[in-house]
All heavy atoms as atom14 arrays in JSON, in Angstrom:
{
  "sequence": "GLPIKGDLKYGASRSNPNGSISLHARAIDFIHPVTKKLIHIIAPV",
  "atom14_mask": [
    [1, 1, 1, 1, 0, 0, 0, 0, 0, 0, 0, 0, 0, 0],
    [1, 1, 1, 1, 1, 1, 1, 1, 0, 0, 0, 0, 0, 0],
    [1, 1, 1, 1, 1, 1, 1, 0, 0, 0, 0, 0, 0, 0],
    [1, 1, 1, 1, 1, 1, 1, 1, 0, 0, 0, 0, 0, 0],
    [1, 1, 1, 1, 1, 1, 1, 1, 1, 0, 0, 0, 0, 0],
    [1, 1, 1, 1, 0, 0, 0, 0, 0, 0, 0, 0, 0, 0],
    [1, 1, 1, 1, 1, 1, 1, 1, 0, 0, 0, 0, 0, 0],
    [1, 1, 1, 1, 1, 1, 1, 1, 0, 0, 0, 0, 0, 0],
    [1, 1, 1, 1, 1, 1, 1, 1, 1, 0, 0, 0, 0, 0],
    [1, 1, 1, 1, 1, 1, 1, 1, 1, 1, 1, 1, 0, 0],
    [1, 1, 1, 1, 0, 0, 0, 0, 0, 0, 0, 0, 0, 0],
    [1, 1, 1, 1, 1, 0, 0, 0, 0, 0, 0, 0, 0, 0],
    [1, 1, 1, 1, 1, 1, 0, 0, 0, 0, 0, 0, 0, 0],
    [1, 1, 1, 1, 1, 1, 1, 1, 1, 1, 1, 0, 0, 0],
    [1, 1, 1, 1, 1, 1, 0, 0, 0, 0, 0, 0, 0, 0],
    [1, 1, 1, 1, 1, 1, 1, 1, 0, 0, 0, 0, 0, 0],
    [1, 1, 1, 1, 1, 1, 1, 0, 0, 0, 0, 0, 0, 0],
    [1, 1, 1, 1, 1, 1, 1, 1, 0, 0, 0, 0, 0, 0],
    [1, 1, 1, 1, 0, 0, 0, 0, 0, 0, 0, 0, 0, 0],
    [1, 1, 1, 1, 1, 1, 0, 0, 0, 0, 0, 0, 0, 0],
    [1, 1, 1, 1, 1, 1, 1, 1, 0, 0, 0, 0, 0, 0],
    [1, 1, 1, 1, 1, 1, 0, 0, 0, 0, 0, 0, 0, 0],
    [1, 1, 1, 1, 1, 1, 1, 1, 0, 0, 0, 0, 0, 0],
    [1, 1, 1, 1, 1, 1, 1, 1, 1, 1, 0, 0, 0, 0],
    [1, 1, 1, 1, 1, 0, 0, 0, 0, 0, 0, 0, 0, 0],
    [1, 1, 1, 1, 1, 1, 1, 1, 1, 1, 1, 0, 0, 0],
    [1, 1, 1, 1, 1, 0, 0, 0, 0, 0, 0, 0, 0, 0],
    [1, 1, 1, 1, 1, 1, 1, 1, 0, 0, 0, 0, 0, 0],
    [1, 1, 1, 1, 1, 1, 1, 1, 0, 0, 0, 0, 0, 0],
    [1, 1, 1, 1, 1, 1, 1, 1, 1, 1, 1, 0, 0, 0],
    [1, 1, 1, 1, 1, 1, 1, 1, 0, 0, 0, 0, 0, 0],
    [1, 1, 1, 1, 1, 1, 1, 1, 1, 1, 0, 0, 0, 0],
    [1, 1, 1, 1, 1, 1, 1, 0, 0, 0, 0, 0, 0, 0],
    [1, 1, 1, 1, 1, 1, 1, 0, 0, 0, 0, 0, 0, 0],
    [1, 1, 1, 1, 1, 1, 1, 0, 0, 0, 0, 0, 0, 0],
    [1, 1, 1, 1, 1, 1, 1, 1, 1, 0, 0, 0, 0, 0],
    [1, 1, 1, 1, 1, 1, 1, 1, 1, 0, 0, 0, 0, 0],
    [1, 1, 1, 1, 1, 1, 1, 1, 0, 0, 0, 0, 0, 0],
    [1, 1, 1, 1, 1, 1, 1, 1, 0, 0, 0, 0, 0, 0],
    [1, 1, 1, 1, 1, 1, 1, 1, 1, 1, 0, 0, 0, 0],
    [1, 1, 1, 1, 1, 1, 1, 1, 0, 0, 0, 0, 0, 0],
    [1, 1, 1, 1, 1, 1, 1, 1, 0, 0, 0, 0, 0, 0],
    [1, 1, 1, 1, 1, 0, 0, 0, 0, 0, 0, 0, 0, 0],
    [1, 1, 1, 1, 1, 1, 1, 0, 0, 0, 0, 0, 0, 0],
    [1, 1, 1, 1, 1, 1, 1, 0, 0, 0, 0, 0, 0, 0]
  ],
  "atom14_positions": [
    [[197.54, 259.87, 230.99], [196.55, 260.91, 231.26], [196.08, 261.04, 232.66], [194.99, 261.6, 232.87], [0.0, 0.0, 0.0], [0.0, 0.0, 0.0], [0.0, 0.0, 0.0], [0.0, 0.0, 0.0], [0.0, 0.0, 0.0], [0.0, 0.0, 0.0], [0.0, 0.0, 0.0], [0.0, 0.0, 0.0], [0.0, 0.0, 0.0], [0.0, 0.0, 0.0]],
    [[196.87, 260.57, 233.65], [196.48, 260.63, 235.02], [197.52, 261.39, 235.89], [198.13, 260.77, 236.78], [196.29, 259.2, 235.6], [195.28, 258.29, 234.87], [195.32, 256.9, 235.49], [193.91, 258.83, 234.96], [0.0, 0.0, 0.0], [0.0, 0.0, 0.0], [0.0, 0.0, 0.0], [0.0, 0.0, 0.0], [0.0, 0.0, 0.0], [0.0, 0.0, 0.0]],
    [[197.72, 262.63, 235.61], [198.75, 263.35, 236.41], [198.36, 263.4, 237.88], [197.23, 263.5, 238.28], [198.77, 264.74, 235.8], [197.42, 264.93, 235.13], [197.08, 263.52, 234.64], [0.0, 0.0, 0.0], [0.0, 0.0, 0.0], [0.0, 0.0, 0.0], [0.0, 0.0, 0.0], [0.0, 0.0, 0.0], [0.0, 0.0, 0.0], [0.0, 0.0, 0.0]],
    [[199.35, 263.27, 238.75], [199.18, 263.31, 240.17], [198.96, 264.8, 240.61], [199.59, 265.7, 240.15], [200.41, 262.72, 240.9], [200.51, 261.22, 240.53], [200.31, 262.96, 242.37], [201.84, 260.61, 241.02], [0.0, 0.0, 0.0], [0.0, 0.0, 0.0], [0.0, 0.0, 0.0], [0.0, 0.0, 0.0], [0.0, 0.0, 0.0], [0.0, 0.0, 0.0]],
    [[198.0, 264.91, 241.53], [197.69, 266.25, 242.02], [198.95, 266.96, 242.54], [199.67, 266.4, 243.33], [196.64, 266.15, 243.11], [196.19, 267.46, 243.72], [195.18, 267.26, 244.84], [194.72, 268.56, 245.42], [195.8, 269.29, 246.21], [0.0, 0.0, 0.0], [0.0, 0.0, 0.0], [0.0, 0.0, 0.0], [0.0, 0.0, 0.0], [0.0, 0.0, 0.0]],
    [[199.12, 268.18, 242.07], [200.24, 269.0, 242.53], [201.55, 268.8, 241.74], [202.47, 269.57, 241.97], [0.0, 0.0, 0.0], [0.0, 0.0, 0.0], [0.0, 0.0, 0.0], [0.0, 0.0, 0.0], [0.0, 0.0, 0.0], [0.0, 0.0, 0.0], [0.0, 0.0, 0.0], [0.0, 0.0, 0.0], [0.0, 0.0, 0.0], [0.0, 0.0, 0.0]],
    [[201.6, 267.83, 240.89], [202.84, 267.45, 240.16], [202.95, 268.24, 238.87], [202.71, 267.67, 237.77], [202.94, 265.99, 240.0], [204.33, 265.49, 239.64], [205.23, 266.37, 239.57], [204.51, 264.26, 239.48], [0.0, 0.0, 0.0], [0.0, 0.0, 0.0], [0.0, 0.0, 0.0], [0.0, 0.0, 0.0], [0.0, 0.0, 0.0], [0.0, 0.0, 0.0]],
    [[203.29, 269.55, 238.93], [203.43, 270.36, 237.76], [204.38, 269.82, 236.73], [204.18, 269.92, 235.57], [203.85, 271.77, 238.18], [202.9, 272.65, 239.04], [203.52, 274.0, 239.34], [201.57, 272.81, 238.28], [0.0, 0.0, 0.0], [0.0, 0.0, 0.0], [0.0, 0.0, 0.0], [0.0, 0.0, 0.0], [0.0, 0.0, 0.0], [0.0, 0.0, 0.0]],
    [[205.45, 269.15, 237.24], [206.5, 268.65, 236.3], [205.93, 267.63, 235.37], [206.41, 267.43, 234.27], [207.63, 268.07, 237.14], [208.79, 267.53, 236.29], [210.01, 267.15, 237.17], [210.72, 268.39, 237.59], [212.06, 268.08, 238.21], [0.0, 0.0, 0.0], [0.0, 0.0, 0.0], [0.0, 0.0, 0.0], [0.0, 0.0, 0.0], [0.0, 0.0, 0.0]],
    [[204.88, 266.87, 235.84], [204.33, 265.83, 235.02], [202.82, 266.08, 234.66], [202.06, 265.13, 234.54], [204.5, 264.44, 235.74], [205.91, 264.01, 235.75], [206.71, 264.3, 236.84], [206.48, 263.38, 234.66], [208.04, 263.88, 236.87], [207.89, 263.0, 234.71], [208.6, 263.28, 235.78], [209.91, 262.88, 235.81], [0.0, 0.0, 0.0], [0.0, 0.0, 0.0]],
    [[202.48, 267.36, 234.52], [201.2, 267.68, 233.87], [200.07, 268.08, 234.73], [198.95, 268.29, 234.27], [0.0, 0.0, 0.0], [0.0, 0.0, 0.0], [0.0, 0.0, 0.0], [0.0, 0.0, 0.0], [0.0, 0.0, 0.0], [0.0, 0.0, 0.0], [0.0, 0.0, 0.0], [0.0, 0.0, 0.0], [0.0, 0.0, 0.0], [0.0, 0.0, 0.0]],
    [[200.3, 268.22, 236.06], [199.21, 268.65, 236.93], [198.8, 270.09, 236.59], [199.63, 270.89, 236.16], [199.6, 268.56, 238.4], [0.0, 0.0, 0.0], [0.0, 0.0, 0.0], [0.0, 0.0, 0.0], [0.0, 0.0, 0.0], [0.0, 0.0, 0.0], [0.0, 0.0, 0.0], [0.0, 0.0, 0.0], [0.0, 0.0, 0.0], [0.0, 0.0, 0.0]],
    [[197.5, 270.43, 236.76], [197.03, 271.76, 236.4], [197.46, 272.8, 237.37], [197.55, 274.01, 236.98], [195.51, 271.73, 236.32], [194.93, 271.3, 237.51], [0.0, 0.0, 0.0], [0.0, 0.0, 0.0], [0.0, 0.0, 0.0], [0.0, 0.0, 0.0], [0.0, 0.0, 0.0], [0.0, 0.0, 0.0], [0.0, 0.0, 0.0], [0.0, 0.0, 0.0]],
    [[197.73, 272.47, 238.62], [198.2, 273.44, 239.61], [199.01, 272.78, 240.71], [198.94, 271.56, 240.85], [196.96, 274.2, 240.24], [196.0, 273.28, 240.94], [194.83, 274.02, 241.56], [194.05, 274.71, 240.54], [193.07, 274.05, 239.87], [192.74, 272.81, 240.14], [192.39, 274.7, 238.96], [0.0, 0.0, 0.0], [0.0, 0.0, 0.0], [0.0, 0.0, 0.0]],
    [[199.79, 273.57, 241.4], [200.61, 273.03, 242.46], [199.84, 272.91, 243.78], [198.8, 273.56, 243.94], [201.85, 273.94, 242.69], [201.4, 275.24, 243.04], [0.0, 0.0, 0.0], [0.0, 0.0, 0.0], [0.0, 0.0, 0.0], [0.0, 0.0, 0.0], [0.0, 0.0, 0.0], [0.0, 0.0, 0.0], [0.0, 0.0, 0.0], [0.0, 0.0, 0.0]],
    [[200.35, 272.11, 244.7], [199.81, 272.09, 246.06], [200.42, 273.21, 246.83], [201.6, 273.59, 246.62], [200.19, 270.73, 246.73], [199.41, 269.57, 246.16], [198.34, 269.73, 245.54], [199.86, 268.31, 246.39], [0.0, 0.0, 0.0], [0.0, 0.0, 0.0], [0.0, 0.0, 0.0], [0.0, 0.0, 0.0], [0.0, 0.0, 0.0], [0.0, 0.0, 0.0]],
    [[199.63, 273.77, 247.75], [200.09, 274.94, 248.56], [201.44, 274.75, 249.24], [202.26, 275.67, 249.33], [198.98, 275.19, 249.57], [197.72, 274.64, 248.85], [198.21, 273.45, 248.08], [0.0, 0.0, 0.0], [0.0, 0.0, 0.0], [0.0, 0.0, 0.0], [0.0, 0.0, 0.0], [0.0, 0.0, 0.0], [0.0, 0.0, 0.0], [0.0, 0.0, 0.0]],
    [[201.66, 273.53, 249.68], [202.93, 273.29, 250.46], [204.07, 272.75, 249.61], [205.11, 272.36, 250.12], [202.68, 272.29, 251.64], [202.21, 270.93, 251.14], [202.02, 270.72, 249.95], [202.01, 269.99, 252.07], [0.0, 0.0, 0.0], [0.0, 0.0, 0.0], [0.0, 0.0, 0.0], [0.0, 0.0, 0.0], [0.0, 0.0, 0.0], [0.0, 0.0, 0.0]],
    [[203.88, 272.74, 248.28], [204.91, 272.24, 247.39], [205.03, 270.73, 247.27], [205.89, 270.23, 246.54], [0.0, 0.0, 0.0], [0.0, 0.0, 0.0], [0.0, 0.0, 0.0], [0.0, 0.0, 0.0], [0.0, 0.0, 0.0], [0.0, 0.0, 0.0], [0.0, 0.0, 0.0], [0.0, 0.0, 0.0], [0.0, 0.0, 0.0], [0.0, 0.0, 0.0]],
    [[204.11, 270.0, 247.94], [204.17, 268.56, 247.82], [203.49, 268.09, 246.56], [202.89, 268.9, 245.87], [203.41, 267.96, 249.04], [202.04, 268.22, 248.96], [0.0, 0.0, 0.0], [0.0, 0.0, 0.0], [0.0, 0.0, 0.0], [0.0, 0.0, 0.0], [0.0, 0.0, 0.0], [0.0, 0.0, 0.0], [0.0, 0.0, 0.0], [0.0, 0.0, 0.0]],
    [[203.55, 266.83, 246.3], [202.69, 266.2, 245.31], [201.9, 265.1, 246.09], [202.38, 264.61, 247.08], [203.46, 265.56, 244.1], [204.38, 264.46, 244.52], [204.26, 266.67, 243.38], [205.0, 263.7, 243.35], [0.0, 0.0, 0.0], [0.0, 0.0, 0.0], [0.0, 0.0, 0.0], [0.0, 0.0, 0.0], [0.0, 0.0, 0.0], [0.0, 0.0, 0.0]],
    [[200.72, 264.79, 245.55], [199.84, 263.92, 246.3], [200.14, 262.43, 245.99], [199.29, 261.72, 245.45], [198.38, 264.28, 245.98], [198.1, 265.57, 246.43], [0.0, 0.0, 0.0], [0.0, 0.0, 0.0], [0.0, 0.0, 0.0], [0.0, 0.0, 0.0], [0.0, 0.0, 0.0], [0.0, 0.0, 0.0], [0.0, 0.0, 0.0], [0.0, 0.0, 0.0]],
    [[201.35, 262.04, 246.38], [201.81, 260.66, 246.21], [202.4, 260.23, 247.56], [203.24, 260.95, 248.13], [202.89, 260.59, 245.07], [203.47, 259.2, 244.83], [202.4, 258.22, 244.37], [204.64, 259.29, 243.82], [0.0, 0.0, 0.0], [0.0, 0.0, 0.0], [0.0, 0.0, 0.0], [0.0, 0.0, 0.0], [0.0, 0.0, 0.0], [0.0, 0.0, 0.0]],
    [[201.94, 259.12, 248.08], [202.27, 258.68, 249.4], [202.7, 257.24, 249.4], [201.99, 256.35, 248.91], [201.03, 258.9, 250.34], [201.23, 258.49, 251.77], [202.08, 259.17, 252.65], [200.66, 257.5, 252.48], [202.02, 258.61, 253.81], [201.17, 257.57, 253.77], [0.0, 0.0, 0.0], [0.0, 0.0, 0.0], [0.0, 0.0, 0.0], [0.0, 0.0, 0.0]],
    [[203.92, 256.95, 249.95], [204.35, 255.56, 250.08], [203.59, 254.96, 251.26], [203.94, 255.11, 252.43], [205.86, 255.56, 250.35], [0.0, 0.0, 0.0], [0.0, 0.0, 0.0], [0.0, 0.0, 0.0], [0.0, 0.0, 0.0], [0.0, 0.0, 0.0], [0.0, 0.0, 0.0], [0.0, 0.0, 0.0], [0.0, 0.0, 0.0], [0.0, 0.0, 0.0]],
    [[202.56, 254.2, 250.95], [201.55, 253.82, 251.92], [201.89, 252.54, 252.74], [201.7, 252.56, 253.9], [200.23, 253.6, 251.18], [199.11, 253.05, 252.02], [198.63, 253.99, 253.11], [197.4, 253.46, 253.71], [196.8, 254.02, 254.8], [197.36, 255.18, 255.3], [195.67, 253.57, 255.3], [0.0, 0.0, 0.0], [0.0, 0.0, 0.0], [0.0, 0.0, 0.0]],
    [[202.45, 251.53, 252.07], [202.65, 250.29, 252.79], [203.88, 249.57, 252.18], [204.25, 249.8, 251.07], [201.41, 249.4, 252.68], [0.0, 0.0, 0.0], [0.0, 0.0, 0.0], [0.0, 0.0, 0.0], [0.0, 0.0, 0.0], [0.0, 0.0, 0.0], [0.0, 0.0, 0.0], [0.0, 0.0, 0.0], [0.0, 0.0, 0.0], [0.0, 0.0, 0.0]],
    [[204.46, 248.71, 253.0], [205.62, 247.94, 252.62], [205.56, 246.57, 253.26], [205.12, 246.42, 254.42], [206.91, 248.63, 252.94], [208.09, 248.02, 252.2], [207.21, 248.69, 254.41], [209.35, 248.88, 252.15], [0.0, 0.0, 0.0], [0.0, 0.0, 0.0], [0.0, 0.0, 0.0], [0.0, 0.0, 0.0], [0.0, 0.0, 0.0], [0.0, 0.0, 0.0]],
    [[205.91, 245.52, 252.54], [205.97, 244.15, 253.05], [207.28, 243.51, 252.67], [207.69, 243.57, 251.54], [204.84, 243.27, 252.45], [203.46, 243.7, 252.93], [202.91, 244.69, 252.38], [203.0, 243.12, 253.9], [0.0, 0.0, 0.0], [0.0, 0.0, 0.0], [0.0, 0.0, 0.0], [0.0, 0.0, 0.0], [0.0, 0.0, 0.0], [0.0, 0.0, 0.0]],
    [[207.93, 242.84, 253.6], [209.16, 242.1, 253.33], [209.45, 241.16, 254.52], [208.89, 241.28, 255.58], [210.31, 243.03, 253.06], [210.69, 243.94, 254.27], [211.58, 243.55, 255.22], [210.06, 245.14, 254.38], [211.87, 244.34, 256.32], [210.33, 246.0, 255.44], [211.25, 245.57, 256.4], [0.0, 0.0, 0.0], [0.0, 0.0, 0.0], [0.0, 0.0, 0.0]],
    [[210.31, 240.18, 254.25], [210.82, 239.3, 255.29], [211.99, 239.95, 255.97], [212.9, 240.32, 255.31], [211.16, 237.89, 254.68], [209.97, 237.28, 254.04], [211.72, 236.98, 255.81], [208.75, 237.01, 254.95], [0.0, 0.0, 0.0], [0.0, 0.0, 0.0], [0.0, 0.0, 0.0], [0.0, 0.0, 0.0], [0.0, 0.0, 0.0], [0.0, 0.0, 0.0]],
    [[211.91, 240.02, 257.29], [213.05, 240.72, 258.04], [214.35, 239.99, 257.69], [214.43, 238.77, 257.66], [212.74, 240.58, 259.54], [213.58, 241.48, 260.39], [214.89, 241.2, 260.65], [213.24, 242.59, 261.03], [215.36, 242.12, 261.4], [214.46, 243.0, 261.68], [0.0, 0.0, 0.0], [0.0, 0.0, 0.0], [0.0, 0.0, 0.0], [0.0, 0.0, 0.0]],
    [[215.4, 240.81, 257.42], [216.67, 240.22, 257.0], [217.36, 239.37, 258.05], [218.21, 238.58, 257.74], [217.5, 241.48, 256.66], [216.91, 242.55, 257.46], [215.45, 242.25, 257.51], [0.0, 0.0, 0.0], [0.0, 0.0, 0.0], [0.0, 0.0, 0.0], [0.0, 0.0, 0.0], [0.0, 0.0, 0.0], [0.0, 0.0, 0.0], [0.0, 0.0, 0.0]],
    [[217.01, 239.53, 259.33], [217.65, 238.78, 260.4], [216.71, 237.83, 261.11], [216.99, 236.63, 261.22], [218.3, 239.76, 261.42], [218.97, 238.96, 262.55], [219.31, 240.67, 260.74], [0.0, 0.0, 0.0], [0.0, 0.0, 0.0], [0.0, 0.0, 0.0], [0.0, 0.0, 0.0], [0.0, 0.0, 0.0], [0.0, 0.0, 0.0], [0.0, 0.0, 0.0]],
    [[215.57, 238.34, 261.54], [214.6, 237.5, 262.3], [213.81, 236.55, 261.37], [213.22, 235.58, 261.8], [213.61, 238.33, 263.07], [212.79, 239.07, 262.2], [214.34, 239.34, 263.99], [0.0, 0.0, 0.0], [0.0, 0.0, 0.0], [0.0, 0.0, 0.0], [0.0, 0.0, 0.0], [0.0, 0.0, 0.0], [0.0, 0.0, 0.0], [0.0, 0.0, 0.0]],
    [[213.75, 236.89, 260.08], [212.99, 236.15, 259.08], [211.5, 236.24, 259.24], [210.75, 235.48, 258.69], [213.44, 234.7, 259.02], [214.93, 234.45, 258.89], [215.5, 235.21, 257.7], [216.98, 235.01, 257.54], [217.59, 235.78, 256.42], [0.0, 0.0, 0.0], [0.0, 0.0, 0.0], [0.0, 0.0, 0.0], [0.0, 0.0, 0.0], [0.0, 0.0, 0.0]],
    [[211.02, 237.15, 260.1], [209.58, 237.36, 260.26], [209.03, 238.32, 259.2], [209.76, 239.17, 258.67], [209.28, 237.96, 261.65], [209.63, 236.98, 262.78], [209.33, 237.58, 264.14], [209.58, 236.66, 265.29], [209.31, 237.25, 266.62], [0.0, 0.0, 0.0], [0.0, 0.0, 0.0], [0.0, 0.0, 0.0], [0.0, 0.0, 0.0], [0.0, 0.0, 0.0]],
    [[207.78, 238.19, 258.9], [207.11, 239.08, 257.9], [206.9, 240.47, 258.59], [206.33, 240.54, 259.67], [205.75, 238.5, 257.49], [204.88, 239.45, 256.59], [205.64, 239.66, 255.24], [203.53, 238.84, 256.35], [0.0, 0.0, 0.0], [0.0, 0.0, 0.0], [0.0, 0.0, 0.0], [0.0, 0.0, 0.0], [0.0, 0.0, 0.0], [0.0, 0.0, 0.0]],
    [[207.37, 241.48, 257.87], [207.18, 242.84, 258.34], [206.13, 243.48, 257.38], [206.31, 243.5, 256.15], [208.49, 243.63, 258.28], [209.55, 242.96, 259.13], [208.27, 245.1, 258.67], [209.23, 242.96, 260.6], [0.0, 0.0, 0.0], [0.0, 0.0, 0.0], [0.0, 0.0, 0.0], [0.0, 0.0, 0.0], [0.0, 0.0, 0.0], [0.0, 0.0, 0.0]],
    [[205.07, 244.01, 257.95], [204.04, 244.68, 257.23], [203.82, 246.05, 257.87], [203.38, 246.1, 259.05], [202.75, 243.84, 257.19], [201.63, 244.65, 256.59], [201.55, 244.94, 255.24], [200.41, 245.09, 257.16], [200.43, 245.61, 255.0], [199.72, 245.68, 256.11], [0.0, 0.0, 0.0], [0.0, 0.0, 0.0], [0.0, 0.0, 0.0], [0.0, 0.0, 0.0]],
    [[204.08, 247.09, 257.18], [204.0, 248.46, 257.72], [203.02, 249.28, 256.87], [203.13, 249.28, 255.6], [205.38, 249.13, 257.82], [206.39, 248.31, 258.61], [205.24, 250.53, 258.34], [206.03, 248.19, 260.03], [0.0, 0.0, 0.0], [0.0, 0.0, 0.0], [0.0, 0.0, 0.0], [0.0, 0.0, 0.0], [0.0, 0.0, 0.0], [0.0, 0.0, 0.0]],
    [[202.16, 250.07, 257.54], [201.33, 251.0, 256.86], [201.58, 252.4, 257.41], [201.65, 252.6, 258.61], [199.8, 250.64, 257.06], [199.48, 249.32, 256.4], [198.88, 251.74, 256.49], [198.01, 248.87, 256.63], [0.0, 0.0, 0.0], [0.0, 0.0, 0.0], [0.0, 0.0, 0.0], [0.0, 0.0, 0.0], [0.0, 0.0, 0.0], [0.0, 0.0, 0.0]],
    [[201.76, 253.41, 256.53], [202.05, 254.73, 256.92], [200.8, 255.58, 256.88], [200.15, 255.66, 255.84], [203.12, 255.38, 256.01], [0.0, 0.0, 0.0], [0.0, 0.0, 0.0], [0.0, 0.0, 0.0], [0.0, 0.0, 0.0], [0.0, 0.0, 0.0], [0.0, 0.0, 0.0], [0.0, 0.0, 0.0], [0.0, 0.0, 0.0], [0.0, 0.0, 0.0]],
    [[200.39, 256.22, 257.99], [199.26, 257.15, 257.96], [199.49, 258.27, 256.92], [200.65, 258.62, 256.64], [199.27, 257.73, 259.37], [199.97, 256.73, 260.22], [200.99, 256.11, 259.31], [0.0, 0.0, 0.0], [0.0, 0.0, 0.0], [0.0, 0.0, 0.0], [0.0, 0.0, 0.0], [0.0, 0.0, 0.0], [0.0, 0.0, 0.0], [0.0, 0.0, 0.0]],
    [[198.39, 258.7, 256.29], [198.53, 259.8, 255.33], [198.93, 261.1, 256.0], [198.86, 261.21, 257.24], [197.21, 260.0, 254.54], [196.89, 258.73, 253.8], [196.06, 260.34, 255.54], [0.0, 0.0, 0.0], [0.0, 0.0, 0.0], [0.0, 0.0, 0.0], [0.0, 0.0, 0.0], [0.0, 0.0, 0.0], [0.0, 0.0, 0.0], [0.0, 0.0, 0.0]]
  ]
}
């Protein structure tokens, strides 16, 4: 019962003007495959 804003396909009440849905891949963490250092990235909205 928690449809994402703008996601008509999954039950949102209306679309977003630009056709997007309000879902954002915000951050990611992993160990670098070569250097073995921790990578922590945050994406601005």
